[in-house]
Amino acid sequence: MEYLRITSIQDPLFKQMHQLMQNVFPPEEVLAFELWQEPLEDPRLKILQ
């Protein structure tokens, strides 16, 4: 299995992952697309797909 780290909302994989989160989680639990940029840039967080 290969893991890819997502570090920007510009990454095409992030768009797919954000859509998946919207399908899986209640709407109030998923940040708006543009609000993810700062958390994705945080080196302490690992967002992988």
C-alpha atoms as a PDB file:
ATOM      1  CA  MET A   1       0.000   0.000   0.000  1.00  0.00           C
ATOM      2  CA  GLU A   2       1.297   3.431  -0.890  1.00  0.00           C
ATOM      3  CA  TYR A   3       0.547   6.523   1.189  1.00  0.00           C
ATOM      4  CA  LEU A   4       0.681   9.984  -0.326  1.00  0.00           C
ATOM      5  CA  ARG A   5       0.914  13.052   1.889  1.00  0.00           C
ATOM      6  CA  ILE A   6      -1.397  15.900   0.917  1.00  0.00           C
ATOM      7  CA  THR A   7       0.005  19.334   1.773  1.00  0.00           C
ATOM      8  CA  SER A   8      -2.173  21.692  -0.256  1.00  0.00           C
ATOM      9  CA  ILE A   9      -5.783  22.162  -1.293  1.00  0.00           C
ATOM     10  CA  GLN A  10      -4.359  22.550  -4.813  1.00  0.00           C
ATOM     11  CA  ASP A  11      -3.401  18.869  -4.823  1.00  0.00           C
ATOM     12  CA  PRO A  12      -5.926  17.006  -7.032  1.00  0.00           C
ATOM     13  CA  LEU A  13      -6.039  14.196  -4.466  1.00  0.00           C
ATOM     14  CA  PHE A  14      -7.273  16.593  -1.814  1.00  0.00           C
ATOM     15  CA  LYS A  15     -10.356  17.464  -3.871  1.00  0.00           C
ATOM     16  CA  GLN A  16     -11.206  13.753  -4.070  1.00  0.00           C
ATOM     17  CA  MET A  17     -10.552  13.260  -0.371  1.00  0.00           C
ATOM     18  CA  HIS A  18     -12.666  16.283   0.579  1.00  0.00           C
ATOM     19  CA  GLN A  19     -15.580  14.903  -1.469  1.00  0.00           C
ATOM     20  CA  LEU A  20     -15.153  11.540   0.251  1.00  0.00           C
ATOM     21  CA  MET A  21     -15.223  13.178   3.693  1.00  0.00           C
ATOM     22  CA  GLN A  22     -18.438  14.997   2.729  1.00  0.00           C
ATOM     23  CA  ASN A  23     -20.010  11.657   1.803  1.00  0.00           C
ATOM     24  CA  VAL A  24     -18.857   9.858   4.950  1.00  0.00           C
ATOM     25  CA  PHE A  25     -19.205  12.471   7.703  1.00  0.00           C
ATOM     26  CA  PRO A  26     -22.084  14.776   8.661  1.00  0.00           C
ATOM     27  CA  PRO A  27     -21.775  18.184   6.920  1.00  0.00           C
ATOM     28  CA  GLU A  28     -21.154  20.058  10.169  1.00  0.00           C
ATOM     29  CA  GLU A  29     -18.037  17.937  10.816  1.00  0.00           C
ATOM     30  CA  VAL A  30     -16.246  18.693   7.531  1.00  0.00           C
ATOM     31  CA  LEU A  31     -14.423  21.994   7.153  1.00  0.00           C
ATOM     32  CA  ALA A  32     -15.149  24.051   4.056  1.00  0.00           C
ATOM     33  CA  PHE A  33     -12.686  23.278   1.261  1.00  0.00           C
ATOM     34  CA  GLU A  34     -10.712  26.547   1.507  1.00  0.00           C
ATOM     35  CA  LEU A  35     -10.393  26.281   5.317  1.00  0.00           C
ATOM     36  CA  TRP A  36      -8.194  23.195   4.935  1.00  0.00           C
ATOM     37  CA  GLN A  37      -5.168  25.048   3.538  1.00  0.00           C
ATOM     38  CA  GLU A  38      -3.677  26.021   6.912  1.00  0.00           C
ATOM     39  CA  PRO A  39      -4.145  22.591   8.563  1.00  0.00           C
ATOM     40  CA  LEU A  40      -2.620  20.864   5.518  1.00  0.00           C
ATOM     41  CA  GLU A  41       0.486  23.051   5.785  1.00  0.00           C
ATOM     42  CA  ASP A  42       0.980  22.205   9.476  1.00  0.00           C
ATOM     43  CA  PRO A  43       3.991  19.830   9.590  1.00  0.00           C
ATOM     44  CA  ARG A  44       2.658  18.197  12.768  1.00  0.00           C
ATOM     45  CA  LEU A  45      -0.410  16.878  10.913  1.00  0.00           C
ATOM     46  CA  LYS A  46      -0.176  14.043   8.443  1.00  0.00           C
ATOM     47  CA  ILE A  47      -3.009  13.994   5.913  1.00  0.00           C
ATOM     48  CA  LEU A  48      -2.598  10.871   3.822  1.00  0.00           C
ATOM     49  CA  GLN A  49      -4.547   9.210   1.104  1.00  0.00           C
END
